[in-house]
Amino acid sequence: MENLKYQPVPYDVEATIRRELKDEEFRKEFEELEPMYALISELLTARKLSGMTQEAVANKIGTTKSAISRLEGGSKHAPSVTTLRKYAEAVGCDLVIKLEPKRKTKV
């Protein structure tokens, strides 16, 4: 009989990203997606710190759990400032938007 015991395959995401960043095309796409992933991270962290579920946030905002899931999942549609403000209020945060000077590319 085969050994059916769960044996996870080790995978180092950070090492994979470091390796892939050596490819110019990958690096460019990765950098373009960085702001979206930063936003998602902020949303998830704020909700976790608030102790709220997606459903609780949705109820407080007046939307659906699936809408919150799409917002936190980085769907193709960019959220409006109004939506972000409502989300921030629901999880007990202030929405802060800032522009930062671009980082100079090392050559």
C-alpha atoms as a PDB file:
ATOM      1  CA  MET A   1       0.000   0.000   0.000  1.00  0.00           C
ATOM      2  CA  GLU A   2       1.224   3.474  -0.853  1.00  0.00           C
ATOM      3  CA  ASN A   3       2.247   5.931   1.820  1.00  0.00           C
ATOM      4  CA  LEU A   4      -0.556   8.508   1.765  1.00  0.00           C
ATOM      5  CA  LYS A   5       0.817  10.592   4.617  1.00  0.00           C
ATOM      6  CA  TYR A   6       0.780  14.347   3.967  1.00  0.00           C
ATOM      7  CA  GLN A   7       4.238  15.489   2.935  1.00  0.00           C
ATOM      8  CA  PRO A   8       4.355  19.198   2.089  1.00  0.00           C
ATOM      9  CA  VAL A   9       6.785  20.348  -0.551  1.00  0.00           C
ATOM     10  CA  PRO A  10       9.030  23.134   0.747  1.00  0.00           C
ATOM     11  CA  TYR A  11       8.713  26.336  -1.246  1.00  0.00           C
ATOM     12  CA  ASP A  12      10.536  29.591  -0.582  1.00  0.00           C
ATOM     13  CA  VAL A  13       8.438  32.373  -2.116  1.00  0.00           C
ATOM     14  CA  GLU A  14      10.983  35.077  -1.353  1.00  0.00           C
ATOM     15  CA  ALA A  15      13.830  33.120  -2.984  1.00  0.00           C
ATOM     16  CA  THR A  16      11.674  32.537  -6.046  1.00  0.00           C
ATOM     17  CA  ILE A  17      10.851  36.240  -6.313  1.00  0.00           C
ATOM     18  CA  ARG A  18      14.521  37.204  -5.890  1.00  0.00           C
ATOM     19  CA  ARG A  19      15.440  34.790  -8.684  1.00  0.00           C
ATOM     20  CA  GLU A  20      12.669  35.980 -10.996  1.00  0.00           C
ATOM     21  CA  LEU A  21      13.480  39.671 -10.395  1.00  0.00           C
ATOM     22  CA  LYS A  22      16.661  39.131 -12.399  1.00  0.00           C
ATOM     23  CA  ASP A  23      14.435  38.915 -15.476  1.00  0.00           C
ATOM     24  CA  GLU A  24      13.828  42.497 -16.698  1.00  0.00           C
ATOM     25  CA  GLU A  25      10.276  41.853 -17.940  1.00  0.00           C
ATOM     26  CA  PHE A  26       9.264  40.108 -14.701  1.00  0.00           C
ATOM     27  CA  ARG A  27      10.813  42.891 -12.612  1.00  0.00           C
ATOM     28  CA  LYS A  28       8.900  45.562 -14.518  1.00  0.00           C
ATOM     29  CA  GLU A  29       5.555  43.779 -14.105  1.00  0.00           C
ATOM     30  CA  PHE A  30       6.300  43.033 -10.449  1.00  0.00           C
ATOM     31  CA  GLU A  31       7.062  46.690  -9.724  1.00  0.00           C
ATOM     32  CA  GLU A  32       3.862  47.812 -11.470  1.00  0.00           C
ATOM     33  CA  LEU A  33       1.818  45.513  -9.212  1.00  0.00           C
ATOM     34  CA  GLU A  34       3.591  46.589  -6.017  1.00  0.00           C
ATOM     35  CA  PRO A  35       1.121  49.374  -5.088  1.00  0.00           C
ATOM     36  CA  MET A  36      -1.846  46.989  -5.410  1.00  0.00           C
ATOM     37  CA  TYR A  37      -0.201  44.388  -3.184  1.00  0.00           C
ATOM     38  CA  ALA A  38       0.723  47.072  -0.651  1.00  0.00           C
ATOM     39  CA  LEU A  39      -2.926  48.171  -0.538  1.00  0.00           C
ATOM     40  CA  ILE A  40      -4.126  44.586  -0.083  1.00  0.00           C
ATOM     41  CA  SER A  41      -1.630  44.092   2.734  1.00  0.00           C
ATOM     42  CA  GLU A  42      -2.843  47.271   4.438  1.00  0.00           C
ATOM     43  CA  LEU A  43      -6.493  46.200   4.148  1.00  0.00           C
ATOM     44  CA  LEU A  44      -5.845  42.726   5.535  1.00  0.00           C
ATOM     45  CA  THR A  45      -3.685  44.004   8.382  1.00  0.00           C
ATOM     46  CA  ALA A  46      -6.242  46.631   9.400  1.00  0.00           C
ATOM     47  CA  ARG A  47      -9.099  44.122   9.371  1.00  0.00           C
ATOM     48  CA  LYS A  48      -7.061  41.583  11.340  1.00  0.00           C
ATOM     49  CA  LEU A  49      -6.166  44.193  13.961  1.00  0.00           C
ATOM     50  CA  SER A  50      -9.827  45.192  14.225  1.00  0.00           C
ATOM     51  CA  GLY A  51     -10.788  41.579  14.904  1.00  0.00           C
ATOM     52  CA  MET A  52     -13.533  41.780  12.294  1.00  0.00           C
ATOM     53  CA  THR A  53     -14.551  39.235   9.690  1.00  0.00           C
ATOM     54  CA  GLN A  54     -15.193  40.127   6.062  1.00  0.00           C
ATOM     55  CA  GLU A  55     -18.888  39.706   6.779  1.00  0.00           C
ATOM     56  CA  ALA A  56     -18.749  42.113   9.730  1.00  0.00           C
ATOM     57  CA  VAL A  57     -16.969  44.749   7.642  1.00  0.00           C
ATOM     58  CA  ALA A  58     -19.482  44.257   4.830  1.00  0.00           C
ATOM     59  CA  ASN A  59     -22.419  44.707   7.201  1.00  0.00           C
ATOM     60  CA  LYS A  60     -20.913  47.867   8.667  1.00  0.00           C
ATOM     61  CA  ILE A  61     -20.296  49.347   5.212  1.00  0.00           C
ATOM     62  CA  GLY A  62     -23.581  48.176   3.761  1.00  0.00           C
ATOM     63  CA  THR A  63     -22.216  45.804   1.125  1.00  0.00           C
ATOM     64  CA  THR A  64     -21.708  42.082   0.670  1.00  0.00           C
ATOM     65  CA  LYS A  65     -19.035  39.744   1.990  1.00  0.00           C
ATOM     66  CA  SER A  66     -18.127  38.893  -1.611  1.00  0.00           C
ATOM     67  CA  ALA A  67     -17.512  42.600  -2.343  1.00  0.00           C
ATOM     68  CA  ILE A  68     -15.104  42.762   0.614  1.00  0.00           C
ATOM     69  CA  SER A  69     -13.449  39.561  -0.599  1.00  0.00           C
ATOM     70  CA  ARG A  70     -12.932  41.100  -4.052  1.00  0.00           C
ATOM     71  CA  LEU A  71     -11.569  44.296  -2.494  1.00  0.00           C
ATOM     72  CA  GLU A  72      -9.097  42.364  -0.349  1.00  0.00           C
ATOM     73  CA  GLY A  73      -8.227  40.012  -3.195  1.00  0.00           C
ATOM     74  CA  GLY A  74      -7.027  42.653  -5.607  1.00  0.00           C
ATOM     75  CA  SER A  75      -9.647  42.255  -8.286  1.00  0.00           C
ATOM     76  CA  LYS A  76      -9.139  43.905 -11.646  1.00  0.00           C
ATOM     77  CA  HIS A  77     -11.297  46.867 -10.640  1.00  0.00           C
ATOM     78  CA  ALA A  78      -9.580  49.570  -8.604  1.00  0.00           C
ATOM     79  CA  PRO A  79     -11.558  50.619  -5.519  1.00  0.00           C
ATOM     80  CA  SER A  80     -12.782  54.184  -5.255  1.00  0.00           C
ATOM     81  CA  VAL A  81     -11.533  56.531  -2.556  1.00  0.00           C
ATOM     82  CA  THR A  82     -15.065  56.463  -1.135  1.00  0.00           C
ATOM     83  CA  THR A  83     -14.953  52.676  -0.818  1.00  0.00           C
ATOM     84  CA  LEU A  84     -11.527  52.795   0.829  1.00  0.00           C
ATOM     85  CA  ARG A  85     -12.733  55.489   3.213  1.00  0.00           C
ATOM     86  CA  LYS A  86     -15.762  53.379   4.204  1.00  0.00           C
ATOM     87  CA  TYR A  87     -13.561  50.309   4.695  1.00  0.00           C
ATOM     88  CA  ALA A  88     -11.098  52.285   6.827  1.00  0.00           C
ATOM     89  CA  GLU A  89     -13.929  53.675   8.966  1.00  0.00           C
ATOM     90  CA  ALA A  90     -15.427  50.195   9.394  1.00  0.00           C
ATOM     91  CA  VAL A  91     -12.164  48.744  10.742  1.00  0.00           C
ATOM     92  CA  GLY A  92     -11.448  51.754  12.952  1.00  0.00           C
ATOM     93  CA  CYS A  93      -8.784  53.406  10.813  1.00  0.00           C
ATOM     94  CA  ASP A  94      -8.189  56.700   9.044  1.00  0.00           C
ATOM     95  CA  LEU A  95      -7.533  56.567   5.316  1.00  0.00           C
ATOM     96  CA  VAL A  96      -4.215  58.225   4.499  1.00  0.00           C
ATOM     97  CA  ILE A  97      -3.155  58.687   0.890  1.00  0.00           C
ATOM     98  CA  LYS A  98       0.247  60.063   0.006  1.00  0.00           C
ATOM     99  CA  LEU A  99       2.474  60.419  -2.987  1.00  0.00           C
ATOM    100  CA  GLU A 100       6.143  59.599  -2.636  1.00  0.00           C
ATOM    101  CA  PRO A 101       8.970  60.562  -4.960  1.00  0.00           C
ATOM    102  CA  LYS A 102      10.025  57.715  -7.232  1.00  0.00           C
ATOM    103  CA  ARG A 103      13.007  55.675  -6.177  1.00  0.00           C
ATOM    104  CA  LYS A 104      15.994  56.129  -8.408  1.00  0.00           C
ATOM    105  CA  THR A 105      16.824  53.003 -10.384  1.00  0.00           C
ATOM    106  CA  LYS A 106      20.271  51.575  -9.740  1.00  0.00           C
ATOM    107  CA  VAL A 107      22.269  51.129 -12.929  1.00  0.00           C
END
